[in-house]
Amino acid sequence: MHRDEEVNDFPSRYDSVRHAETFPIPPTICTGKRDKCVIEKENNFKQPGKRYRSFAPDRQERFIRRWVEALSDPRVTYEIRSIWISYWSQADKSLGQKLASRLNLRPSI
């Protein structure tokens, strides 16, 4: 039998099943009305872009290097790489360009 993906065999003989730690339940009751609504002008990429730009240059470089390493894994398909490059380009255009150039891809934005 040949497998291309990783196998999750938890629990195993070496790492047996354990019960989760008990978590205290707060005695206060939360009340209110829940509304389902559309958020106007939603921007999911503003905060991560701002966070990346706040990094020192050496930290930005480490961040880029780690993402290049993760996206270079042979199990990551071209489609998934392109999606992530698109996401990071929306957060910060220069970040997307740097990632794409190191992965030999063209940024889609």
PDB file of N, CA and C in Angstrom:
ATOM      1  N   MET A   1       0.844  -1.185   0.000  1.00  0.00           N
ATOM      2  CA  MET A   1       0.000   0.000   0.000  1.00  0.00           C
ATOM      3  C   MET A   1       0.886   1.244   0.000  1.00  0.00           C
ATOM      4  N   HIS A   2       0.568   2.190  -0.851  1.00  0.00           N
ATOM      5  CA  HIS A   2       1.355   3.419  -0.970  1.00  0.00           C
ATOM      6  C   HIS A   2       0.500   4.609  -0.550  1.00  0.00           C
ATOM      7  N   ARG A   3       1.033   5.428   0.360  1.00  0.00           N
ATOM      8  CA  ARG A   3       0.315   6.622   0.815  1.00  0.00           C
ATOM      9  C   ARG A   3       1.133   7.855   0.477  1.00  0.00           C
ATOM     10  N   ASP A   4       0.450   8.901   0.013  1.00  0.00           N
ATOM     11  CA  ASP A   4       1.121  10.162  -0.268  1.00  0.00           C
ATOM     12  C   ASP A   4       0.884  11.177   0.835  1.00  0.00           C
ATOM     13  N   GLU A   5      -0.126  10.948   1.679  1.00  0.00           N
ATOM     14  CA  GLU A   5      -0.420  11.928   2.714  1.00  0.00           C
ATOM     15  C   GLU A   5       0.016  11.402   4.078  1.00  0.00           C
ATOM     16  N   GLU A   6       0.086  12.290   5.033  1.00  0.00           N
ATOM     17  CA  GLU A   6       0.459  11.894   6.387  1.00  0.00           C
ATOM     18  C   GLU A   6      -0.702  11.165   7.045  1.00  0.00           C
ATOM     19  N   VAL A   7      -0.369  10.291   7.970  1.00  0.00           N
ATOM     20  CA  VAL A   7      -1.390   9.538   8.686  1.00  0.00           C
ATOM     21  C   VAL A   7      -1.424  10.030  10.122  1.00  0.00           C
ATOM     22  N   ASN A   8      -2.610  10.358  10.587  1.00  0.00           N
ATOM     23  CA  ASN A   8      -2.778  10.784  11.972  1.00  0.00           C
ATOM     24  C   ASN A   8      -3.238   9.559  12.753  1.00  0.00           C
ATOM     25  N   ASP A   9      -2.303   8.952  13.490  1.00  0.00           N
ATOM     26  CA  ASP A   9      -2.658   7.748  14.232  1.00  0.00           C
ATOM     27  C   ASP A   9      -2.698   8.007  15.735  1.00  0.00           C
ATOM     28  N   PHE A  10      -3.216   9.171  16.111  1.00  0.00           N
ATOM     29  CA  PHE A  10      -3.392   9.483  17.529  1.00  0.00           C
ATOM     30  C   PHE A  10      -4.686   8.855  17.997  1.00  0.00           C
ATOM     31  N   PRO A  11      -4.831   8.246  19.099  1.00  0.00           N
ATOM     32  CA  PRO A  11      -3.794   7.887  20.080  1.00  0.00           C
ATOM     33  C   PRO A  11      -2.986   6.689  19.601  1.00  0.00           C
ATOM     34  N   SER A  12      -1.769   6.583  20.106  1.00  0.00           N
ATOM     35  CA  SER A  12      -0.911   5.460  19.754  1.00  0.00           C
ATOM     36  C   SER A  12      -0.371   4.830  21.028  1.00  0.00           C
ATOM     37  N   ARG A  13       0.456   3.815  20.841  1.00  0.00           N
ATOM     38  CA  ARG A  13       1.058   3.164  22.018  1.00  0.00           C
ATOM     39  C   ARG A  13       1.975   4.126  22.762  1.00  0.00           C
ATOM     40  N   TYR A  14       2.572   5.064  22.020  1.00  0.00           N
ATOM     41  CA  TYR A  14       3.541   5.974  22.618  1.00  0.00           C
ATOM     42  C   TYR A  14       2.891   7.227  23.195  1.00  0.00           C
ATOM     43  N   ASP A  15       1.725   7.577  22.690  1.00  0.00           N
ATOM     44  CA  ASP A  15       1.040   8.781  23.159  1.00  0.00           C
ATOM     45  C   ASP A  15      -0.429   8.418  23.371  1.00  0.00           C
ATOM     46  N   SER A  16      -0.723   7.925  24.545  1.00  0.00           N
ATOM     47  CA  SER A  16      -2.062   7.391  24.793  1.00  0.00           C
ATOM     48  C   SER A  16      -3.094   8.502  24.993  1.00  0.00           C
ATOM     49  N   VAL A  17      -4.351   8.097  25.023  1.00  0.00           N
ATOM     50  CA  VAL A  17      -5.457   9.040  25.189  1.00  0.00           C
ATOM     51  C   VAL A  17      -5.416   9.633  26.586  1.00  0.00           C
ATOM     52  N   ARG A  18      -5.668  10.935  26.691  1.00  0.00           N
ATOM     53  CA  ARG A  18      -5.759  11.587  28.004  1.00  0.00           C
ATOM     54  C   ARG A  18      -7.008  12.440  28.022  1.00  0.00           C
ATOM     55  N   HIS A  19      -7.524  12.626  29.182  1.00  0.00           N
ATOM     56  CA  HIS A  19      -8.682  13.499  29.341  1.00  0.00           C
ATOM     57  C   HIS A  19      -8.225  14.951  29.337  1.00  0.00           C
ATOM     58  N   ALA A  20      -9.041  15.803  28.772  1.00  0.00           N
ATOM     59  CA  ALA A  20      -8.732  17.228  28.758  1.00  0.00           C
ATOM     60  C   ALA A  20      -8.834  17.776  30.176  1.00  0.00           C
ATOM     61  N   GLU A  21      -8.079  18.819  30.444  1.00  0.00           N
ATOM     62  CA  GLU A  21      -8.141  19.457  31.753  1.00  0.00           C
ATOM     63  C   GLU A  21      -9.521  20.057  31.952  1.00  0.00           C
ATOM     64  N   THR A  22      -9.985  20.044  33.199  1.00  0.00           N
ATOM     65  CA  THR A  22     -11.290  20.647  33.475  1.00  0.00           C
ATOM     66  C   THR A  22     -11.163  22.155  33.374  1.00  0.00           C
ATOM     67  N   PHE A  23     -12.146  22.760  32.800  1.00  0.00           N
ATOM     68  CA  PHE A  23     -12.142  24.201  32.593  1.00  0.00           C
ATOM     69  C   PHE A  23     -13.301  24.783  33.393  1.00  0.00           C
ATOM     70  N   PRO A  24     -13.046  25.791  34.227  1.00  0.00           N
ATOM     71  CA  PRO A  24     -14.132  26.329  35.047  1.00  0.00           C
ATOM     72  C   PRO A  24     -15.197  27.022  34.186  1.00  0.00           C
ATOM     73  N   ILE A  25     -16.439  26.739  34.466  1.00  0.00           N
ATOM     74  CA  ILE A  25     -17.547  27.376  33.768  1.00  0.00           C
ATOM     75  C   ILE A  25     -17.960  28.602  34.571  1.00  0.00           C
ATOM     76  N   PRO A  26     -17.938  29.789  33.943  1.00  0.00           N
ATOM     77  CA  PRO A  26     -18.285  30.999  34.698  1.00  0.00           C
ATOM     78  C   PRO A  26     -19.754  30.977  35.120  1.00  0.00           C
ATOM     79  N   PRO A  27     -20.036  31.460  36.328  1.00  0.00           N
ATOM     80  CA  PRO A  27     -21.412  31.408  36.829  1.00  0.00           C
ATOM     81  C   PRO A  27     -22.333  32.469  36.209  1.00  0.00           C
ATOM     82  N   THR A  28     -21.770  33.504  35.592  1.00  0.00           N
ATOM     83  CA  THR A  28     -22.612  34.558  35.025  1.00  0.00           C
ATOM     84  C   THR A  28     -23.268  34.076  33.736  1.00  0.00           C
ATOM     85  N   ILE A  29     -24.490  34.524  33.544  1.00  0.00           N
ATOM     86  CA  ILE A  29     -25.244  34.137  32.364  1.00  0.00           C
ATOM     87  C   ILE A  29     -25.212  35.297  31.375  1.00  0.00           C
ATOM     88  N   CYS A  30     -24.933  34.993  30.139  1.00  0.00           N
ATOM     89  CA  CYS A  30     -24.865  36.003  29.095  1.00  0.00           C
ATOM     90  C   CYS A  30     -26.254  36.126  28.453  1.00  0.00           C
ATOM     91  N   THR A  31     -26.769  37.317  28.408  1.00  0.00           N
ATOM     92  CA  THR A  31     -28.075  37.521  27.790  1.00  0.00           C
ATOM     93  C   THR A  31     -27.963  38.596  26.725  1.00  0.00           C
ATOM     94  N   GLY A  32     -28.892  38.598  25.822  1.00  0.00           N
ATOM     95  CA  GLY A  32     -28.889  39.609  24.782  1.00  0.00           C
ATOM     96  C   GLY A  32     -29.537  39.072  23.528  1.00  0.00           C
ATOM     97  N   LYS A  33     -29.525  39.885  22.515  1.00  0.00           N
ATOM     98  CA  LYS A  33     -30.128  39.520  21.247  1.00  0.00           C
ATOM     99  C   LYS A  33     -29.024  39.302  20.219  1.00  0.00           C
ATOM    100  N   ARG A  34     -29.089  38.185  19.507  1.00  0.00           N
ATOM    101  CA  ARG A  34     -28.111  37.911  18.460  1.00  0.00           C
ATOM    102  C   ARG A  34     -28.685  38.351  17.127  1.00  0.00           C
ATOM    103  N   ASP A  35     -27.902  39.084  16.389  1.00  0.00           N
ATOM    104  CA  ASP A  35     -28.315  39.535  15.061  1.00  0.00           C
ATOM    105  C   ASP A  35     -27.340  38.997  14.034  1.00  0.00           C
ATOM    106  N   LYS A  36     -27.889  38.471  12.956  1.00  0.00           N
ATOM    107  CA  LYS A  36     -27.059  38.063  11.836  1.00  0.00           C
ATOM    108  C   LYS A  36     -27.161  39.166  10.800  1.00  0.00           C
ATOM    109  N   CYS A  37     -26.016  39.791  10.484  1.00  0.00           N
ATOM    110  CA  CYS A  37     -26.047  40.892   9.544  1.00  0.00           C
ATOM    111  C   CYS A  37     -24.755  40.922   8.725  1.00  0.00           C
ATOM    112  N   VAL A  38     -24.794  41.600   7.631  1.00  0.00           N
ATOM    113  CA  VAL A  38     -23.631  41.759   6.761  1.00  0.00           C
ATOM    114  C   VAL A  38     -22.826  42.951   7.256  1.00  0.00           C
ATOM    115  N   ILE A  39     -21.521  42.763   7.388  1.00  0.00           N
ATOM    116  CA  ILE A  39     -20.641  43.850   7.808  1.00  0.00           C
ATOM    117  C   ILE A  39     -20.348  44.709   6.583  1.00  0.00           C
ATOM    118  N   GLU A  40     -20.665  45.972   6.663  1.00  0.00           N
ATOM    119  CA  GLU A  40     -20.435  46.878   5.544  1.00  0.00           C
ATOM    120  C   GLU A  40     -18.942  47.114   5.340  1.00  0.00           C
ATOM    121  N   LYS A  41     -18.521  47.103   4.096  1.00  0.00           N
ATOM    122  CA  LYS A  41     -17.135  47.370   3.708  1.00  0.00           C
ATOM    123  C   LYS A  41     -16.135  46.556   4.532  1.00  0.00           C
ATOM    124  N   GLU A  42     -16.360  45.269   4.579  1.00  0.00           N
ATOM    125  CA  GLU A  42     -15.491  44.368   5.327  1.00  0.00           C
ATOM    126  C   GLU A  42     -14.113  44.321   4.673  1.00  0.00           C
ATOM    127  N   ASN A  43     -13.053  44.426   5.469  1.00  0.00           N
ATOM    128  CA  ASN A  43     -11.686  44.344   4.960  1.00  0.00           C
ATOM    129  C   ASN A  43     -10.899  43.404   5.866  1.00  0.00           C
ATOM    130  N   ASN A  44     -10.732  42.165   5.402  1.00  0.00           N
ATOM    131  CA  ASN A  44     -10.050  41.158   6.205  1.00  0.00           C
ATOM    132  C   ASN A  44      -8.537  41.221   6.096  1.00  0.00           C
ATOM    133  N   PHE A  45      -8.016  42.121   5.261  1.00  0.00           N
ATOM    134  CA  PHE A  45      -6.583  42.150   5.017  1.00  0.00           C
ATOM    135  C   PHE A  45      -5.904  43.394   5.571  1.00  0.00           C
ATOM    136  N   LYS A  46      -6.664  44.349   6.078  1.00  0.00           N
ATOM    137  CA  LYS A  46      -6.091  45.602   6.576  1.00  0.00           C
ATOM    138  C   LYS A  46      -5.223  45.357   7.814  1.00  0.00           C
ATOM    139  N   GLN A  47      -5.768  44.632   8.796  1.00  0.00           N
ATOM    140  CA  GLN A  47      -5.047  44.409  10.045  1.00  0.00           C
ATOM    141  C   GLN A  47      -3.768  43.577   9.844  1.00  0.00           C
ATOM    142  N   PRO A  48      -3.808  42.453   9.086  1.00  0.00           N
ATOM    143  CA  PRO A  48      -2.551  41.717   8.894  1.00  0.00           C
ATOM    144  C   PRO A  48      -1.502  42.536   8.141  1.00  0.00           C
ATOM    145  N   GLY A  49      -1.941  43.354   7.183  1.00  0.00           N
ATOM    146  CA  GLY A  49      -0.995  44.198   6.452  1.00  0.00           C
ATOM    147  C   GLY A  49      -0.341  45.220   7.361  1.00  0.00           C
ATOM    148  N   LYS A  50      -1.148  45.823   8.220  1.00  0.00           N
ATOM    149  CA  LYS A  50      -0.631  46.811   9.169  1.00  0.00           C
ATOM    150  C   LYS A  50       0.357  46.151  10.131  1.00  0.00           C
ATOM    151  N   ARG A  51       0.026  44.938  10.555  1.00  0.00           N
ATOM    152  CA  ARG A  51       0.900  44.205  11.468  1.00  0.00           C
ATOM    153  C   ARG A  51       2.243  43.893  10.803  1.00  0.00           C
ATOM    154  N   TYR A  52       2.200  43.426   9.559  1.00  0.00           N
ATOM    155  CA  TYR A  52       3.438  43.115   8.828  1.00  0.00           C
ATOM    156  C   TYR A  52       4.300  44.364   8.668  1.00  0.00           C
ATOM    157  N   ARG A  53       3.679  45.477   8.303  1.00  0.00           N
ATOM    158  CA  ARG A  53       4.436  46.717   8.111  1.00  0.00           C
ATOM    159  C   ARG A  53       5.024  47.237   9.420  1.00  0.00           C
ATOM    160  N   SER A  54       4.459  46.841  10.563  1.00  0.00           N
ATOM    161  CA  SER A  54       4.994  47.287  11.853  1.00  0.00           C
ATOM    162  C   SER A  54       6.244  46.507  12.256  1.00  0.00           C
ATOM    163  N   PHE A  55       6.524  45.384  11.573  1.00  0.00           N
ATOM    164  CA  PHE A  55       7.705  44.582  11.885  1.00  0.00           C
ATOM    165  C   PHE A  55       8.970  45.329  11.491  1.00  0.00           C
ATOM    166  N   ALA A  56      10.038  45.069  12.232  1.00  0.00           N
ATOM    167  CA  ALA A  56      11.364  45.566  11.847  1.00  0.00           C
ATOM    168  C   ALA A  56      11.784  44.825  10.573  1.00  0.00           C
ATOM    169  N   PRO A  57      12.670  45.425   9.750  1.00  0.00           N
ATOM    170  CA  PRO A  57      13.063  44.779   8.492  1.00  0.00           C
ATOM    171  C   PRO A  57      13.589  43.349   8.643  1.00  0.00           C
ATOM    172  N   ASP A  58      14.377  43.073   9.689  1.00  0.00           N
ATOM    173  CA  ASP A  58      14.887  41.715   9.875  1.00  0.00           C
ATOM    174  C   ASP A  58      13.762  40.740  10.225  1.00  0.00           C
ATOM    175  N   ARG A  59      12.767  41.221  10.961  1.00  0.00           N
ATOM    176  CA  ARG A  59      11.619  40.374  11.292  1.00  0.00           C
ATOM    177  C   ARG A  59      10.755  40.125  10.057  1.00  0.00           C
ATOM    178  N   GLN A  60      10.617  41.132   9.201  1.00  0.00           N
ATOM    179  CA  GLN A  60       9.891  40.949   7.940  1.00  0.00           C
ATOM    180  C   GLN A  60      10.590  39.887   7.097  1.00  0.00           C
ATOM    181  N   GLU A  61      11.906  39.941   7.066  1.00  0.00           N
ATOM    182  CA  GLU A  61      12.676  38.965   6.293  1.00  0.00           C
ATOM    183  C   GLU A  61      12.477  37.552   6.827  1.00  0.00           C
ATOM    184  N   ARG A  62      12.499  37.394   8.153  1.00  0.00           N
ATOM    185  CA  ARG A  62      12.255  36.070   8.747  1.00  0.00           C
ATOM    186  C   ARG A  62      10.850  35.585   8.423  1.00  0.00           C
ATOM    187  N   PHE A  63       9.876  36.495   8.480  1.00  0.00           N
ATOM    188  CA  PHE A  63       8.487  36.161   8.166  1.00  0.00           C
ATOM    189  C   PHE A  63       8.385  35.648   6.727  1.00  0.00           C
ATOM    190  N   ILE A  64       9.004  36.371   5.799  1.00  0.00           N
ATOM    191  CA  ILE A  64       8.986  35.972   4.386  1.00  0.00           C
ATOM    192  C   ILE A  64       9.677  34.620   4.211  1.00  0.00           C
ATOM    193  N   ARG A  65      10.839  34.460   4.840  1.00  0.00           N
ATOM    194  CA  ARG A  65      11.583  33.207   4.713  1.00  0.00           C
ATOM    195  C   ARG A  65      10.772  32.020   5.220  1.00  0.00           C
ATOM    196  N   ARG A  66      10.056  32.195   6.327  1.00  0.00           N
ATOM    197  CA  ARG A  66       9.236  31.098   6.868  1.00  0.00           C
ATOM    198  C   ARG A  66       8.077  30.751   5.940  1.00  0.00           C
ATOM    199  N   TRP A  67       7.447  31.771   5.346  1.00  0.00           N
ATOM    200  CA  TRP A  67       6.348  31.506   4.423  1.00  0.00           C
ATOM    201  C   TRP A  67       6.842  30.856   3.149  1.00  0.00           C
ATOM    202  N   VAL A  68       7.999  31.271   2.646  1.00  0.00           N
ATOM    203  CA  VAL A  68       8.571  30.649   1.456  1.00  0.00           C
ATOM    204  C   VAL A  68       8.867  29.186   1.741  1.00  0.00           C
ATOM    205  N   GLU A  69       9.427  28.914   2.916  1.00  0.00           N
ATOM    206  CA  GLU A  69       9.730  27.537   3.292  1.00  0.00           C
ATOM    207  C   GLU A  69       8.452  26.705   3.376  1.00  0.00           C
ATOM    208  N   ALA A  70       7.397  27.267   3.981  1.00  0.00           N
ATOM    209  CA  ALA A  70       6.136  26.531   4.118  1.00  0.00           C
ATOM    210  C   ALA A  70       5.484  26.287   2.759  1.00  0.00           C
ATOM    211  N   LEU A  71       5.502  27.306   1.892  1.00  0.00           N
ATOM    212  CA  LEU A  71       4.848  27.167   0.591  1.00  0.00           C
ATOM    213  C   LEU A  71       5.701  26.384  -0.411  1.00  0.00           C
ATOM    214  N   SER A  72       6.957  26.135  -0.086  1.00  0.00           N
ATOM    215  CA  SER A  72       7.824  25.354  -0.962  1.00  0.00           C
ATOM    216  C   SER A  72       7.694  23.855  -0.717  1.00  0.00           C
ATOM    217  N   ASP A  73       6.970  23.480   0.296  1.00  0.00           N
ATOM    218  CA  ASP A  73       6.780  22.062   0.599  1.00  0.00           C
ATOM    219  C   ASP A  73       6.190  21.355  -0.618  1.00  0.00           C
ATOM    220  N   PRO A  74       6.679  20.170  -0.958  1.00  0.00           N
ATOM    221  CA  PRO A  74       6.178  19.484  -2.156  1.00  0.00           C
ATOM    222  C   PRO A  74       4.692  19.124  -2.094  1.00  0.00           C
ATOM    223  N   ARG A  75       4.143  19.053  -0.894  1.00  0.00           N
ATOM    224  CA  ARG A  75       2.714  18.717  -0.767  1.00  0.00           C
ATOM    225  C   ARG A  75       1.803  19.900  -1.088  1.00  0.00           C
ATOM    226  N   VAL A  76       2.372  21.124  -1.125  1.00  0.00           N
ATOM    227  CA  VAL A  76       1.581  22.319  -1.412  1.00  0.00           C
ATOM    228  C   VAL A  76       1.445  22.458  -2.923  1.00  0.00           C
ATOM    229  N   THR A  77       0.218  22.480  -3.407  1.00  0.00           N
ATOM    230  CA  THR A  77      -0.024  22.557  -4.850  1.00  0.00           C
ATOM    231  C   THR A  77       0.155  23.992  -5.355  1.00  0.00           C
ATOM    232  N   TYR A  78       0.273  24.114  -6.669  1.00  0.00           N
ATOM    233  CA  TYR A  78       0.395  25.426  -7.299  1.00  0.00           C
ATOM    234  C   TYR A  78      -0.815  26.288  -6.966  1.00  0.00           C
ATOM    235  N   GLU A  79      -1.995  25.678  -6.970  1.00  0.00           N
ATOM    236  CA  GLU A  79      -3.230  26.425  -6.677  1.00  0.00           C
ATOM    237  C   GLU A  79      -3.211  27.009  -5.269  1.00  0.00           C
ATOM    238  N   ILE A  80      -2.778  26.220  -4.306  1.00  0.00           N
ATOM    239  CA  ILE A  80      -2.730  26.696  -2.917  1.00  0.00           C
ATOM    240  C   ILE A  80      -1.688  27.800  -2.776  1.00  0.00           C
ATOM    241  N   ARG A  81      -0.532  27.634  -3.432  1.00  0.00           N
ATOM    242  CA  ARG A  81       0.485  28.698  -3.410  1.00  0.00           C
ATOM    243  C   ARG A  81      -0.085  29.995  -3.960  1.00  0.00           C
ATOM    244  N   SER A  82      -0.785  29.895  -5.080  1.00  0.00           N
ATOM    245  CA  SER A  82      -1.354  31.090  -5.716  1.00  0.00           C
ATOM    246  C   SER A  82      -2.375  31.765  -4.807  1.00  0.00           C
ATOM    247  N   ILE A  83      -3.185  30.974  -4.137  1.00  0.00           N
ATOM    248  CA  ILE A  83      -4.183  31.535  -3.218  1.00  0.00           C
ATOM    249  C   ILE A  83      -3.495  32.291  -2.089  1.00  0.00           C
ATOM    250  N   TRP A  84      -2.447  31.698  -1.494  1.00  0.00           N
ATOM    251  CA  TRP A  84      -1.746  32.363  -0.395  1.00  0.00           C
ATOM    252  C   TRP A  84      -1.023  33.622  -0.868  1.00  0.00           C
ATOM    253  N   ILE A  85      -0.438  33.578  -2.058  1.00  0.00           N
ATOM    254  CA  ILE A  85       0.210  34.774  -2.601  1.00  0.00           C
ATOM    255  C   ILE A  85      -0.833  35.877  -2.785  1.00  0.00           C
ATOM    256  N   SER A  86      -2.019  35.490  -3.253  1.00  0.00           N
ATOM    257  CA  SER A  86      -3.105  36.453  -3.426  1.00  0.00           C
ATOM    258  C   SER A  86      -3.508  37.065  -2.085  1.00  0.00           C
ATOM    259  N   TYR A  87      -3.637  36.232  -1.056  1.00  0.00           N
ATOM    260  CA  TYR A  87      -4.003  36.741   0.269  1.00  0.00           C
ATOM    261  C   TYR A  87      -2.963  37.722   0.790  1.00  0.00           C
ATOM    262  N   TRP A  88      -1.668  37.332   0.724  1.00  0.00           N
ATOM    263  CA  TRP A  88      -0.628  38.202   1.253  1.00  0.00           C
ATOM    264  C   TRP A  88      -0.469  39.465   0.418  1.00  0.00           C
ATOM    265  N   SER A  89      -0.782  39.386  -0.887  1.00  0.00           N
ATOM    266  CA  SER A  89      -0.730  40.584  -1.732  1.00  0.00           C
ATOM    267  C   SER A  89      -1.826  41.565  -1.351  1.00  0.00           C
ATOM    268  N   GLN A  90      -2.972  41.039  -0.944  1.00  0.00           N
ATOM    269  CA  GLN A  90      -4.062  41.917  -0.510  1.00  0.00           C
ATOM    270  C   GLN A  90      -3.742  42.572   0.827  1.00  0.00           C
ATOM    271  N   ALA A  91      -2.994  41.866   1.677  1.00  0.00           N
ATOM    272  CA  ALA A  91      -2.602  42.441   2.958  1.00  0.00           C
ATOM    273  C   ALA A  91      -1.523  43.509   2.753  1.00  0.00           C
ATOM    274  N   ASP A  92      -0.510  43.192   1.954  1.00  0.00           N
ATOM    275  CA  ASP A  92       0.571  44.129   1.667  1.00  0.00           C
ATOM    276  C   ASP A  92       1.155  43.778   0.306  1.00  0.00           C
ATOM    277  N   LYS A  93       1.052  44.697  -0.638  1.00  0.00           N
ATOM    278  CA  LYS A  93       1.460  44.424  -2.021  1.00  0.00           C
ATOM    279  C   LYS A  93       2.922  43.999  -2.115  1.00  0.00           C
ATOM    280  N   SER A  94       3.807  44.678  -1.394  1.00  0.00           N
ATOM    281  CA  SER A  94       5.235  44.344  -1.480  1.00  0.00           C
ATOM    282  C   SER A  94       5.506  42.954  -0.898  1.00  0.00           C
ATOM    283  N   LEU A  95       4.769  42.572   0.134  1.00  0.00           N
ATOM    284  CA  LEU A  95       4.928  41.238   0.724  1.00  0.00           C
ATOM    285  C   LEU A  95       4.546  40.179  -0.301  1.00  0.00           C
ATOM    286  N   GLY A  96       3.424  40.371  -0.985  1.00  0.00           N
ATOM    287  CA  GLY A  96       3.002  39.425  -2.013  1.00  0.00           C
ATOM    288  C   GLY A  96       4.014  39.313  -3.134  1.00  0.00           C
ATOM    289  N   GLN A  97       4.592  40.452  -3.542  1.00  0.00           N
ATOM    290  CA  GLN A  97       5.586  40.450  -4.613  1.00  0.00           C
ATOM    291  C   GLN A  97       6.865  39.727  -4.190  1.00  0.00           C
ATOM    292  N   LYS A  98       7.296  39.955  -2.950  1.00  0.00           N
ATOM    293  CA  LYS A  98       8.507  39.294  -2.456  1.00  0.00           C
ATOM    294  C   LYS A  98       8.303  37.787  -2.384  1.00  0.00           C
ATOM    295  N   LEU A  99       7.161  37.363  -1.847  1.00  0.00           N
ATOM    296  CA  LEU A  99       6.868  35.929  -1.763  1.00  0.00           C
ATOM    297  C   LEU A  99       6.806  35.313  -3.155  1.00  0.00           C
ATOM    298  N   ALA A 100       6.119  35.976  -4.071  1.00  0.00           N
ATOM    299  CA  ALA A 100       5.963  35.445  -5.422  1.00  0.00           C
ATOM    300  C   ALA A 100       7.309  35.337  -6.133  1.00  0.00           C
ATOM    301  N   SER A 101       8.161  36.342  -5.971  1.00  0.00           N
ATOM    302  CA  SER A 101       9.455  36.299  -6.658  1.00  0.00           C
ATOM    303  C   SER A 101      10.328  35.168  -6.110  1.00  0.00           C
ATOM    304  N   ARG A 102      10.270  34.917  -4.820  1.00  0.00           N
ATOM    305  CA  ARG A 102      11.084  33.848  -4.238  1.00  0.00           C
ATOM    306  C   ARG A 102      10.528  32.464  -4.543  1.00  0.00           C
ATOM    307  N   LEU A 103       9.223  32.404  -4.845  1.00  0.00           N
ATOM    308  CA  LEU A 103       8.613  31.124  -5.211  1.00  0.00           C
ATOM    309  C   LEU A 103       8.504  30.961  -6.723  1.00  0.00           C
ATOM    310  N   ASN A 104       9.046  31.923  -7.478  1.00  0.00           N
ATOM    311  CA  ASN A 104       8.980  31.928  -8.935  1.00  0.00           C
ATOM    312  C   ASN A 104       7.551  31.876  -9.445  1.00  0.00           C
ATOM    313  N   LEU A 105       6.676  32.670  -8.837  1.00  0.00           N
ATOM    314  CA  LEU A 105       5.284  32.793  -9.254  1.00  0.00           C
ATOM    315  C   LEU A 105       5.030  34.239  -9.610  1.00  0.00           C
ATOM    316  N   ARG A 106       3.938  34.490 -10.327  1.00  0.00           N
ATOM    317  CA  ARG A 106       3.511  35.864 -10.593  1.00  0.00           C
ATOM    318  C   ARG A 106       2.380  36.202  -9.659  1.00  0.00           C
ATOM    319  N   PRO A 107       2.454  37.324  -8.937  1.00  0.00           N
ATOM    320  CA  PRO A 107       1.333  37.703  -8.079  1.00  0.00           C
ATOM    321  C   PRO A 107       0.102  38.005  -8.908  1.00  0.00           C
ATOM    322  N   SER A 108      -1.057  37.568  -8.422  1.00  0.00           N
ATOM    323  CA  SER A 108      -2.293  37.729  -9.195  1.00  0.00           C
ATOM    324  C   SER A 108      -2.896  39.104  -9.026  1.00  0.00           C
ATOM    325  N   ILE A 109      -2.409  39.906  -8.086  1.00  0.00           N
ATOM    326  CA  ILE A 109      -2.974  41.241  -7.884  1.00  0.00           C
ATOM    327  C   ILE A 109      -1.984  42.277  -8.327  1.00  0.00           C
TER     328      ILE A 109
END
